[in-house]
Amino acid sequence: MTGLPCVGCGWCCLTDQCQESHILHGYRERCPEVYWDDGAGRYLCRLAGQTRFRELLGMGQGCCAPLNGWRADVRNRDPE
């Protein structure tokens, strides 16, 4: 991971379901655990509330795709 913090742009969770999501939900177009939080102005993951998943997924370790264009354009990308 990089030294850049996650900004909650949703790029990783909306474009590629994590292994833990595959185990829990099977293949999906997008992870059902990720959601847009209007108050926070970012995407959040329901799995992040559980220490086990935080450790398995490296949450809090920084951004895994620091060059993706979504980092500079954090917004709700859910279909209307």
PDB file of N, CA and C in Angstrom:
ATOM      1  N   MET A   1       0.845  -1.176   0.000  1.00  0.00           N
ATOM      2  CA  MET A   1       0.000   0.000   0.000  1.00  0.00           C
ATOM      3  C   MET A   1       0.894   1.244   0.000  1.00  0.00           C
ATOM      4  N   THR A   2       0.290   2.346  -0.321  1.00  0.00           N
ATOM      5  CA  THR A   2       1.044   3.594  -0.356  1.00  0.00           C
ATOM      6  C   THR A   2       0.899   4.322   0.965  1.00  0.00           C
ATOM      7  N   GLY A   3       1.609   5.405   1.112  1.00  0.00           N
ATOM      8  CA  GLY A   3       1.467   6.253   2.281  1.00  0.00           C
ATOM      9  C   GLY A   3       0.258   7.166   2.196  1.00  0.00           C
ATOM     10  N   LEU A   4      -0.432   7.150   1.051  1.00  0.00           N
ATOM     11  CA  LEU A   4      -1.607   8.000   0.887  1.00  0.00           C
ATOM     12  C   LEU A   4      -2.808   7.367   1.560  1.00  0.00           C
ATOM     13  N   PRO A   5      -3.543   8.134   2.347  1.00  0.00           N
ATOM     14  CA  PRO A   5      -4.723   7.564   3.010  1.00  0.00           C
ATOM     15  C   PRO A   5      -5.857   7.308   2.025  1.00  0.00           C
ATOM     16  N   CYS A   6      -6.717   6.385   2.385  1.00  0.00           N
ATOM     17  CA  CYS A   6      -7.921   6.146   1.598  1.00  0.00           C
ATOM     18  C   CYS A   6      -8.802   7.388   1.701  1.00  0.00           C
ATOM     19  N   VAL A   7      -9.342   7.828   0.571  1.00  0.00           N
ATOM     20  CA  VAL A   7     -10.232   8.992   0.565  1.00  0.00           C
ATOM     21  C   VAL A   7     -11.693   8.584   0.404  1.00  0.00           C
ATOM     22  N   GLY A   8     -11.951   7.273   0.304  1.00  0.00           N
ATOM     23  CA  GLY A   8     -13.318   6.792   0.180  1.00  0.00           C
ATOM     24  C   GLY A   8     -13.940   7.046  -1.179  1.00  0.00           C
ATOM     25  N   CYS A   9     -13.111   7.057  -2.233  1.00  0.00           N
ATOM     26  CA  CYS A   9     -13.636   7.333  -3.570  1.00  0.00           C
ATOM     27  C   CYS A   9     -14.444   6.162  -4.124  1.00  0.00           C
ATOM     28  N   GLY A  10     -14.241   4.961  -3.580  1.00  0.00           N
ATOM     29  CA  GLY A  10     -14.992   3.791  -3.997  1.00  0.00           C
ATOM     30  C   GLY A  10     -14.386   3.003  -5.142  1.00  0.00           C
ATOM     31  N   TRP A  11     -13.296   3.475  -5.710  1.00  0.00           N
ATOM     32  CA  TRP A  11     -12.720   2.839  -6.892  1.00  0.00           C
ATOM     33  C   TRP A  11     -12.476   1.343  -6.695  1.00  0.00           C
ATOM     34  N   CYS A  12     -11.819   0.957  -5.620  1.00  0.00           N
ATOM     35  CA  CYS A  12     -11.502  -0.467  -5.465  1.00  0.00           C
ATOM     36  C   CYS A  12     -12.743  -1.315  -5.232  1.00  0.00           C
ATOM     37  N   CYS A  13     -13.669  -0.855  -4.436  1.00  0.00           N
ATOM     38  CA  CYS A  13     -14.849  -1.664  -4.093  1.00  0.00           C
ATOM     39  C   CYS A  13     -15.915  -1.666  -5.187  1.00  0.00           C
ATOM     40  N   LEU A  14     -15.992  -0.614  -5.950  1.00  0.00           N
ATOM     41  CA  LEU A  14     -17.001  -0.545  -7.005  1.00  0.00           C
ATOM     42  C   LEU A  14     -16.533  -1.207  -8.298  1.00  0.00           C
ATOM     43  N   THR A  15     -15.220  -1.318  -8.481  1.00  0.00           N
ATOM     44  CA  THR A  15     -14.711  -1.894  -9.722  1.00  0.00           C
ATOM     45  C   THR A  15     -14.217  -3.323  -9.562  1.00  0.00           C
ATOM     46  N   ASP A  16     -13.919  -3.756  -8.339  1.00  0.00           N
ATOM     47  CA  ASP A  16     -13.379  -5.098  -8.121  1.00  0.00           C
ATOM     48  C   ASP A  16     -13.737  -5.567  -6.717  1.00  0.00           C
ATOM     49  N   GLN A  17     -14.652  -6.490  -6.634  1.00  0.00           N
ATOM     50  CA  GLN A  17     -15.100  -7.020  -5.353  1.00  0.00           C
ATOM     51  C   GLN A  17     -13.942  -7.714  -4.636  1.00  0.00           C
ATOM     52  N   CYS A  18     -13.780  -7.457  -3.348  1.00  0.00           N
ATOM     53  CA  CYS A  18     -12.691  -8.081  -2.589  1.00  0.00           C
ATOM     54  C   CYS A  18     -12.974  -9.566  -2.334  1.00  0.00           C
ATOM     55  N   GLN A  19     -11.957 -10.305  -1.965  1.00  0.00           N
ATOM     56  CA  GLN A  19     -12.085 -11.738  -1.716  1.00  0.00           C
ATOM     57  C   GLN A  19     -13.106 -12.038  -0.617  1.00  0.00           C
ATOM     58  N   GLU A  20     -13.105 -11.240   0.427  1.00  0.00           N
ATOM     59  CA  GLU A  20     -14.051 -11.474   1.526  1.00  0.00           C
ATOM     60  C   GLU A  20     -15.493 -11.286   1.053  1.00  0.00           C
ATOM     61  N   SER A  21     -15.719 -10.324   0.199  1.00  0.00           N
ATOM     62  CA  SER A  21     -17.050 -10.111  -0.364  1.00  0.00           C
ATOM     63  C   SER A  21     -17.461 -11.291  -1.242  1.00  0.00           C
ATOM     64  N   HIS A  22     -16.524 -11.829  -2.018  1.00  0.00           N
ATOM     65  CA  HIS A  22     -16.807 -13.010  -2.842  1.00  0.00           C
ATOM     66  C   HIS A  22     -17.245 -14.184  -1.965  1.00  0.00           C
ATOM     67  N   ILE A  23     -16.550 -14.385  -0.858  1.00  0.00           N
ATOM     68  CA  ILE A  23     -16.876 -15.490   0.048  1.00  0.00           C
ATOM     69  C   ILE A  23     -18.272 -15.294   0.645  1.00  0.00           C
ATOM     70  N   LEU A  24     -18.576 -14.082   1.059  1.00  0.00           N
ATOM     71  CA  LEU A  24     -19.858 -13.803   1.707  1.00  0.00           C
ATOM     72  C   LEU A  24     -21.037 -13.756   0.738  1.00  0.00           C
ATOM     73  N   HIS A  25     -20.818 -13.192  -0.441  1.00  0.00           N
ATOM     74  CA  HIS A  25     -21.927 -12.882  -1.343  1.00  0.00           C
ATOM     75  C   HIS A  25     -21.865 -13.543  -2.713  1.00  0.00           C
ATOM     76  N   GLY A  26     -20.774 -14.231  -3.036  1.00  0.00           N
ATOM     77  CA  GLY A  26     -20.610 -14.746  -4.389  1.00  0.00           C
ATOM     78  C   GLY A  26     -20.245 -13.591  -5.317  1.00  0.00           C
ATOM     79  N   TYR A  27     -20.117 -13.899  -6.609  1.00  0.00           N
ATOM     80  CA  TYR A  27     -19.733 -12.846  -7.553  1.00  0.00           C
ATOM     81  C   TYR A  27     -20.881 -11.858  -7.734  1.00  0.00           C
ATOM     82  N   ARG A  28     -20.534 -10.589  -7.647  1.00  0.00           N
ATOM     83  CA  ARG A  28     -21.495  -9.505  -7.875  1.00  0.00           C
ATOM     84  C   ARG A  28     -20.819  -8.459  -8.747  1.00  0.00           C
ATOM     85  N   GLU A  29     -21.615  -7.705  -9.450  1.00  0.00           N
ATOM     86  CA  GLU A  29     -21.072  -6.605 -10.260  1.00  0.00           C
ATOM     87  C   GLU A  29     -20.362  -5.594  -9.366  1.00  0.00           C
ATOM     88  N   ARG A  30     -20.920  -5.403  -8.160  1.00  0.00           N
ATOM     89  CA  ARG A  30     -20.289  -4.491  -7.206  1.00  0.00           C
ATOM     90  C   ARG A  30     -20.519  -5.055  -5.812  1.00  0.00           C
ATOM     91  N   CYS A  31     -19.676  -4.717  -4.899  1.00  0.00           N
ATOM     92  CA  CYS A  31     -19.774  -5.243  -3.544  1.00  0.00           C
ATOM     93  C   CYS A  31     -21.005  -4.678  -2.827  1.00  0.00           C
ATOM     94  N   PRO A  32     -21.847  -5.552  -2.271  1.00  0.00           N
ATOM     95  CA  PRO A  32     -23.021  -5.068  -1.547  1.00  0.00           C
ATOM     96  C   PRO A  32     -22.689  -4.466  -0.178  1.00  0.00           C
ATOM     97  N   GLU A  33     -21.446  -4.589   0.246  1.00  0.00           N
ATOM     98  CA  GLU A  33     -21.042  -4.049   1.545  1.00  0.00           C
ATOM     99  C   GLU A  33     -20.620  -2.585   1.476  1.00  0.00           C
ATOM    100  N   VAL A  34     -20.378  -2.064   0.277  1.00  0.00           N
ATOM    101  CA  VAL A  34     -19.943  -0.677   0.142  1.00  0.00           C
ATOM    102  C   VAL A  34     -21.165   0.216  -0.094  1.00  0.00           C
ATOM    103  N   TYR A  35     -21.153   1.375   0.540  1.00  0.00           N
ATOM    104  CA  TYR A  35     -22.276   2.306   0.402  1.00  0.00           C
ATOM    105  C   TYR A  35     -21.780   3.741   0.491  1.00  0.00           C
ATOM    106  N   TRP A  36     -22.518   4.637  -0.149  1.00  0.00           N
ATOM    107  CA  TRP A  36     -22.203   6.056  -0.113  1.00  0.00           C
ATOM    108  C   TRP A  36     -22.790   6.653   1.158  1.00  0.00           C
ATOM    109  N   ASP A  37     -21.980   7.395   1.898  1.00  0.00           N
ATOM    110  CA  ASP A  37     -22.442   8.071   3.115  1.00  0.00           C
ATOM    111  C   ASP A  37     -22.456   9.569   2.842  1.00  0.00           C
ATOM    112  N   ASP A  38     -23.668  10.135   2.739  1.00  0.00           N
ATOM    113  CA  ASP A  38     -23.783  11.565   2.432  1.00  0.00           C
ATOM    114  C   ASP A  38     -23.099  12.430   3.482  1.00  0.00           C
ATOM    115  N   GLY A  39     -23.256  12.083   4.755  1.00  0.00           N
ATOM    116  CA  GLY A  39     -22.661  12.876   5.836  1.00  0.00           C
ATOM    117  C   GLY A  39     -21.143  12.909   5.776  1.00  0.00           C
ATOM    118  N   ALA A  40     -20.552  11.761   5.463  1.00  0.00           N
ATOM    119  CA  ALA A  40     -19.091  11.677   5.376  1.00  0.00           C
ATOM    120  C   ALA A  40     -18.581  12.138   4.018  1.00  0.00           C
ATOM    121  N   GLY A  41     -19.462  12.144   3.009  1.00  0.00           N
ATOM    122  CA  GLY A  41     -19.036  12.529   1.663  1.00  0.00           C
ATOM    123  C   GLY A  41     -18.070  11.539   1.051  1.00  0.00           C
ATOM    124  N   ARG A  42     -18.285  10.246   1.338  1.00  0.00           N
ATOM    125  CA  ARG A  42     -17.389   9.208   0.839  1.00  0.00           C
ATOM    126  C   ARG A  42     -18.058   7.851   0.916  1.00  0.00           C
ATOM    127  N   TYR A  43     -17.444   6.883   0.251  1.00  0.00           N
ATOM    128  CA  TYR A  43     -17.914   5.507   0.356  1.00  0.00           C
ATOM    129  C   TYR A  43     -17.343   4.885   1.617  1.00  0.00           C
ATOM    130  N   LEU A  44     -18.157   4.042   2.246  1.00  0.00           N
ATOM    131  CA  LEU A  44     -17.746   3.300   3.434  1.00  0.00           C
ATOM    132  C   LEU A  44     -18.058   1.827   3.223  1.00  0.00           C
ATOM    133  N   CYS A  45     -17.425   0.984   4.018  1.00  0.00           N
ATOM    134  CA  CYS A  45     -17.613  -0.460   3.920  1.00  0.00           C
ATOM    135  C   CYS A  45     -18.199  -0.983   5.228  1.00  0.00           C
ATOM    136  N   ARG A  46     -19.272  -1.733   5.129  1.00  0.00           N
ATOM    137  CA  ARG A  46     -19.889  -2.314   6.325  1.00  0.00           C
ATOM    138  C   ARG A  46     -18.968  -3.320   7.006  1.00  0.00           C
ATOM    139  N   LEU A  47     -18.093  -3.963   6.256  1.00  0.00           N
ATOM    140  CA  LEU A  47     -17.165  -4.927   6.837  1.00  0.00           C
ATOM    141  C   LEU A  47     -16.124  -4.257   7.728  1.00  0.00           C
ATOM    142  N   ALA A  48     -15.905  -2.971   7.541  1.00  0.00           N
ATOM    143  CA  ALA A  48     -14.878  -2.246   8.306  1.00  0.00           C
ATOM    144  C   ALA A  48     -15.186  -2.203   9.799  1.00  0.00           C
ATOM    145  N   GLY A  49     -16.435  -2.444  10.163  1.00  0.00           N
ATOM    146  CA  GLY A  49     -16.796  -2.439  11.572  1.00  0.00           C
ATOM    147  C   GLY A  49     -16.330  -3.668  12.327  1.00  0.00           C
ATOM    148  N   GLN A  50     -15.807  -4.642  11.619  1.00  0.00           N
ATOM    149  CA  GLN A  50     -15.349  -5.884  12.245  1.00  0.00           C
ATOM    150  C   GLN A  50     -13.833  -5.981  12.137  1.00  0.00           C
ATOM    151  N   THR A  51     -13.161  -6.096  13.256  1.00  0.00           N
ATOM    152  CA  THR A  51     -11.697  -6.132  13.299  1.00  0.00           C
ATOM    153  C   THR A  51     -11.128  -7.193  12.367  1.00  0.00           C
ATOM    154  N   ARG A  52     -11.740  -8.355  12.344  1.00  0.00           N
ATOM    155  CA  ARG A  52     -11.246  -9.455  11.500  1.00  0.00           C
ATOM    156  C   ARG A  52     -11.157  -9.026  10.040  1.00  0.00           C
ATOM    157  N   PHE A  53     -12.201  -8.394   9.528  1.00  0.00           N
ATOM    158  CA  PHE A  53     -12.199  -7.970   8.130  1.00  0.00           C
ATOM    159  C   PHE A  53     -11.231  -6.816   7.903  1.00  0.00           C
ATOM    160  N   ARG A  54     -11.134  -5.911   8.860  1.00  0.00           N
ATOM    161  CA  ARG A  54     -10.172  -4.811   8.723  1.00  0.00           C
ATOM    162  C   ARG A  54      -8.762  -5.365   8.528  1.00  0.00           C
ATOM    163  N   GLU A  55      -8.418  -6.371   9.304  1.00  0.00           N
ATOM    164  CA  GLU A  55      -7.082  -6.969   9.208  1.00  0.00           C
ATOM    165  C   GLU A  55      -6.908  -7.752   7.905  1.00  0.00           C
ATOM    166  N   LEU A  56      -7.891  -8.570   7.548  1.00  0.00           N
ATOM    167  CA  LEU A  56      -7.799  -9.368   6.322  1.00  0.00           C
ATOM    168  C   LEU A  56      -7.668  -8.510   5.070  1.00  0.00           C
ATOM    169  N   LEU A  57      -8.353  -7.378   5.050  1.00  0.00           N
ATOM    170  CA  LEU A  57      -8.372  -6.525   3.858  1.00  0.00           C
ATOM    171  C   LEU A  57      -7.362  -5.382   3.899  1.00  0.00           C
ATOM    172  N   GLY A  58      -6.608  -5.277   4.975  1.00  0.00           N
ATOM    173  CA  GLY A  58      -5.606  -4.218   5.064  1.00  0.00           C
ATOM    174  C   GLY A  58      -6.210  -2.833   5.184  1.00  0.00           C
ATOM    175  N   MET A  59      -7.407  -2.756   5.720  1.00  0.00           N
ATOM    176  CA  MET A  59      -8.053  -1.446   5.882  1.00  0.00           C
ATOM    177  C   MET A  59      -7.243  -0.597   6.849  1.00  0.00           C
ATOM    178  N   GLY A  60      -7.074   0.650   6.498  1.00  0.00           N
ATOM    179  CA  GLY A  60      -6.273   1.546   7.310  1.00  0.00           C
ATOM    180  C   GLY A  60      -4.809   1.573   6.912  1.00  0.00           C
ATOM    181  N   GLN A  61      -4.447   0.789   5.894  1.00  0.00           N
ATOM    182  CA  GLN A  61      -3.058   0.708   5.449  1.00  0.00           C
ATOM    183  C   GLN A  61      -2.739   1.672   4.309  1.00  0.00           C
ATOM    184  N   GLY A  62      -3.729   2.398   3.839  1.00  0.00           N
ATOM    185  CA  GLY A  62      -3.500   3.353   2.756  1.00  0.00           C
ATOM    186  C   GLY A  62      -4.154   2.913   1.465  1.00  0.00           C
ATOM    187  N   CYS A  63      -4.053   3.745   0.483  1.00  0.00           N
ATOM    188  CA  CYS A  63      -4.687   3.533  -0.818  1.00  0.00           C
ATOM    189  C   CYS A  63      -3.905   2.502  -1.631  1.00  0.00           C
ATOM    190  N   CYS A  64      -4.644   1.565  -2.243  1.00  0.00           N
ATOM    191  CA  CYS A  64      -3.988   0.543  -3.066  1.00  0.00           C
ATOM    192  C   CYS A  64      -3.886   0.969  -4.530  1.00  0.00           C
ATOM    193  N   ALA A  65      -4.476   2.100  -4.876  1.00  0.00           N
ATOM    194  CA  ALA A  65      -4.444   2.580  -6.269  1.00  0.00           C
ATOM    195  C   ALA A  65      -4.314   4.102  -6.285  1.00  0.00           C
ATOM    196  N   PRO A  66      -3.183   4.628  -5.841  1.00  0.00           N
ATOM    197  CA  PRO A  66      -3.035   6.076  -5.698  1.00  0.00           C
ATOM    198  C   PRO A  66      -3.085   6.871  -6.993  1.00  0.00           C
ATOM    199  N   LEU A  67      -2.937   6.228  -8.136  1.00  0.00           N
ATOM    200  CA  LEU A  67      -2.955   6.956  -9.406  1.00  0.00           C
ATOM    201  C   LEU A  67      -4.325   6.951 -10.072  1.00  0.00           C
ATOM    202  N   ASN A  68      -5.316   6.300  -9.462  1.00  0.00           N
ATOM    203  CA  ASN A  68      -6.641   6.283 -10.095  1.00  0.00           C
ATOM    204  C   ASN A  68      -7.260   7.672 -10.033  1.00  0.00           C
ATOM    205  N   GLY A  69      -7.974   8.036 -11.081  1.00  0.00           N
ATOM    206  CA  GLY A  69      -8.541   9.381 -11.211  1.00  0.00           C
ATOM    207  C   GLY A  69      -9.677   9.690 -10.251  1.00  0.00           C
ATOM    208  N   TRP A  70     -10.258   8.667  -9.652  1.00  0.00           N
ATOM    209  CA  TRP A  70     -11.365   8.901  -8.724  1.00  0.00           C
ATOM    210  C   TRP A  70     -10.925   9.572  -7.431  1.00  0.00           C
ATOM    211  N   ARG A  71      -9.658   9.422  -7.068  1.00  0.00           N
ATOM    212  CA  ARG A  71      -9.161  10.028  -5.812  1.00  0.00           C
ATOM    213  C   ARG A  71      -9.392  11.530  -5.781  1.00  0.00           C
ATOM    214  N   ALA A  72      -9.251  12.166  -6.917  1.00  0.00           N
ATOM    215  CA  ALA A  72      -9.410  13.620  -6.996  1.00  0.00           C
ATOM    216  C   ALA A  72     -10.864  14.026  -7.278  1.00  0.00           C
ATOM    217  N   ASP A  73     -11.750  13.047  -7.410  1.00  0.00           N
ATOM    218  CA  ASP A  73     -13.150  13.321  -7.742  1.00  0.00           C
ATOM    219  C   ASP A  73     -14.053  12.404  -6.909  1.00  0.00           C
ATOM    220  N   VAL A  74     -14.005  12.557  -5.596  1.00  0.00           N
ATOM    221  CA  VAL A  74     -14.799  11.721  -4.698  1.00  0.00           C
ATOM    222  C   VAL A  74     -16.251  12.185  -4.759  1.00  0.00           C
ATOM    223  N   ARG A  75     -17.112  11.277  -5.226  1.00  0.00           N
ATOM    224  CA  ARG A  75     -18.536  11.591  -5.353  1.00  0.00           C
ATOM    225  C   ARG A  75     -19.323  10.302  -5.406  1.00  0.00           C
ATOM    226  N   ASN A  76     -20.628  10.430  -5.242  1.00  0.00           N
ATOM    227  CA  ASN A  76     -21.512   9.282  -5.301  1.00  0.00           C
ATOM    228  C   ASN A  76     -21.594   8.796  -6.743  1.00  0.00           C
ATOM    229  N   ARG A  77     -21.180   7.588  -6.986  1.00  0.00           N
ATOM    230  CA  ARG A  77     -21.204   7.003  -8.323  1.00  0.00           C
ATOM    231  C   ARG A  77     -22.296   5.943  -8.468  1.00  0.00           C
ATOM    232  N   ASP A  78     -23.194   5.877  -7.498  1.00  0.00           N
ATOM    233  CA  ASP A  78     -24.303   4.932  -7.572  1.00  0.00           C
ATOM    234  C   ASP A  78     -25.246   5.345  -8.690  1.00  0.00           C
ATOM    235  N   PRO A  79     -25.805   4.347  -9.391  1.00  0.00           N
ATOM    236  CA  PRO A  79     -26.769   4.692 -10.446  1.00  0.00           C
ATOM    237  C   PRO A  79     -27.983   5.403  -9.848  1.00  0.00           C
ATOM    238  N   GLU A  80     -28.499   6.336 -10.585  1.00  0.00           N
ATOM    239  CA  GLU A  80     -29.668   7.102 -10.103  1.00  0.00           C
ATOM    240  C   GLU A  80     -30.872   6.228  -9.972  1.00  0.00           C
TER     241      GLU A  80
END
